[in-house]
Amino acid sequence: MSAFRPAPLKPLVTFSALQALDLRVGEILAAEKVPASSKLVRLTVSFGDHTRTILAGLQKERENLQALLGWQTLFVINLEPKRLAGEVSEGMLLDLGFADGLEPAFLLPETPVPNGTRAG
């Protein structure tokens, strides 16, 4: 196995640009394969005061989707809705490793927090 080399740093952004992202913890209530896609999974996620449908490319990474139920992880929830494989995604799951070609790992709170808790 070759040694991991971190990617080059991205350009600097202002603190206000970072604050523009709404990063929140959500709990996965349901996870189902999207029929029109070989990659996408439809997640139903609770953010405390509402639920959202978020599509994530997990089919090839996660054999047992039901094992994700009840997990809390981090999502971007103020992205413009995006249509993928005939369905609308209302946010984005954040993970570690995918952008670097590694097997992705979820960002999990070290202790349970209320759904909808903001990061930052």
Protein backbone atom coordinates (compact mmCIF):
# COMPACT_ATOMS: atom_id res chain seq x y z
CA MET A 1 0.00 0.00 0.00
CA SER A 2 1.35 3.43 -0.91
CA ALA A 3 1.63 6.20 1.64
CA PHE A 4 -1.19 8.72 1.75
CA ARG A 5 -0.31 12.18 0.47
CA PRO A 6 -2.63 15.02 1.43
CA ALA A 7 -4.00 17.08 -1.45
CA PRO A 8 -2.71 20.62 -1.94
CA LEU A 9 -4.44 23.26 0.17
CA LYS A 10 -7.35 25.09 -1.41
CA PRO A 11 -7.33 28.90 -1.70
CA LEU A 12 -8.11 30.90 1.44
CA VAL A 13 -11.72 31.87 2.12
CA THR A 14 -13.08 34.53 4.41
CA PHE A 15 -14.55 33.63 7.77
CA SER A 16 -17.90 34.96 6.54
CA ALA A 17 -17.80 32.55 3.58
CA LEU A 18 -17.41 29.66 6.02
CA GLN A 19 -20.22 31.01 8.20
CA ALA A 20 -22.50 31.01 5.14
CA LEU A 21 -22.58 27.19 5.22
CA ASP A 22 -25.27 25.70 7.45
CA LEU A 23 -23.68 22.52 8.83
CA ARG A 24 -25.94 20.51 11.12
CA VAL A 25 -26.16 17.14 12.76
CA GLY A 26 -28.98 15.01 11.46
CA GLU A 27 -30.20 11.53 12.36
CA ILE A 28 -30.71 9.03 9.54
CA LEU A 29 -34.28 7.71 9.81
CA ALA A 30 -34.43 5.77 6.52
CA ALA A 31 -31.96 4.69 3.83
CA GLU A 32 -33.12 3.26 0.49
CA LYS A 33 -31.50 2.65 -2.88
CA VAL A 34 -32.56 5.09 -5.59
CA PRO A 35 -34.00 2.81 -8.33
CA ALA A 36 -32.71 4.94 -11.24
CA SER A 37 -29.12 4.97 -9.96
CA SER A 38 -26.37 2.43 -9.29
CA LYS A 39 -24.73 4.77 -6.74
CA LEU A 40 -27.33 6.91 -4.97
CA VAL A 41 -29.08 6.22 -1.68
CA ARG A 42 -32.11 8.23 -0.51
CA LEU A 43 -31.65 9.23 3.11
CA THR A 44 -34.51 10.56 5.20
CA VAL A 45 -32.83 12.72 7.83
CA SER A 46 -34.26 14.36 10.96
CA PHE A 47 -32.95 17.80 11.87
CA GLY A 48 -35.13 18.10 14.96
CA ASP A 49 -37.75 20.52 13.68
CA HIS A 50 -38.00 19.02 10.17
CA THR A 51 -36.91 16.12 7.98
CA ARG A 52 -35.23 16.24 4.59
CA THR A 53 -34.45 13.91 1.75
CA ILE A 54 -30.73 13.85 1.04
CA LEU A 55 -29.21 11.76 -1.74
CA ALA A 56 -25.73 10.33 -1.18
CA GLY A 57 -23.52 8.07 -3.28
CA LEU A 58 -23.41 5.22 -0.78
CA GLN A 59 -24.67 2.14 -2.65
CA LYS A 60 -21.23 0.76 -3.45
CA GLU A 61 -19.72 1.74 -0.08
CA ARG A 62 -22.38 0.47 2.31
CA GLU A 63 -23.60 -3.09 1.96
CA ASN A 64 -26.17 -2.88 4.76
CA LEU A 65 -28.05 0.40 4.46
CA GLN A 66 -30.27 -0.48 7.42
CA ALA A 67 -27.18 -0.34 9.65
CA LEU A 68 -27.15 3.45 9.09
CA LEU A 69 -30.53 3.96 10.77
CA GLY A 70 -30.22 5.98 13.96
CA TRP A 71 -26.76 7.31 13.11
CA GLN A 72 -26.12 11.00 13.66
CA THR A 73 -23.74 12.63 11.19
CA LEU A 74 -22.98 16.00 9.63
CA PHE A 75 -24.83 17.53 6.66
CA VAL A 76 -24.79 20.78 4.69
CA ILE A 77 -28.43 21.84 4.65
CA ASN A 78 -28.43 25.20 2.88
CA LEU A 79 -27.35 24.05 -0.57
CA GLU A 80 -29.76 24.69 -3.42
CA PRO A 81 -31.90 21.58 -4.02
CA LYS A 82 -30.41 19.41 -6.76
CA ARG A 83 -32.14 16.90 -9.03
CA LEU A 84 -30.25 13.60 -9.32
CA ALA A 85 -31.56 10.43 -11.00
CA GLY A 86 -35.06 11.93 -11.12
CA GLU A 87 -35.15 12.79 -7.40
CA VAL A 88 -34.41 15.98 -5.46
CA SER A 89 -31.68 16.17 -2.82
CA GLU A 90 -32.16 18.82 -0.13
CA GLY A 91 -28.62 18.88 1.24
CA MET A 92 -25.31 17.02 1.27
CA LEU A 93 -23.84 14.38 3.55
CA LEU A 94 -20.31 15.27 4.66
CA ASP A 95 -17.75 12.51 5.01
CA LEU A 96 -14.02 12.00 5.29
CA GLY A 97 -11.89 10.40 2.60
CA PHE A 98 -14.05 10.30 -0.54
CA ALA A 99 -12.35 13.31 -2.16
CA ASP A 100 -8.98 11.60 -1.61
CA GLY A 101 -10.03 8.25 -3.09
CA LEU A 102 -10.27 6.60 0.33
CA GLU A 103 -13.13 4.55 1.69
CA PRO A 104 -15.39 7.25 3.12
CA ALA A 105 -16.02 7.55 6.85
CA PHE A 106 -18.92 9.45 8.40
CA LEU A 107 -18.39 12.40 10.75
CA LEU A 108 -20.01 11.22 13.99
CA PRO A 109 -20.50 13.24 17.17
CA GLU A 110 -18.50 11.78 20.06
CA THR A 111 -21.64 11.94 22.20
CA PRO A 112 -25.29 12.21 21.11
CA VAL A 113 -26.48 15.77 20.47
CA PRO A 114 -29.96 17.07 19.60
CA ASN A 115 -30.81 16.68 15.91
CA GLY A 116 -30.31 20.02 14.18
CA THR A 117 -27.28 21.02 16.30
CA ARG A 118 -25.07 23.35 14.27
CA ALA A 119 -21.36 22.83 13.65
CA GLY A 120 -18.94 25.67 14.15
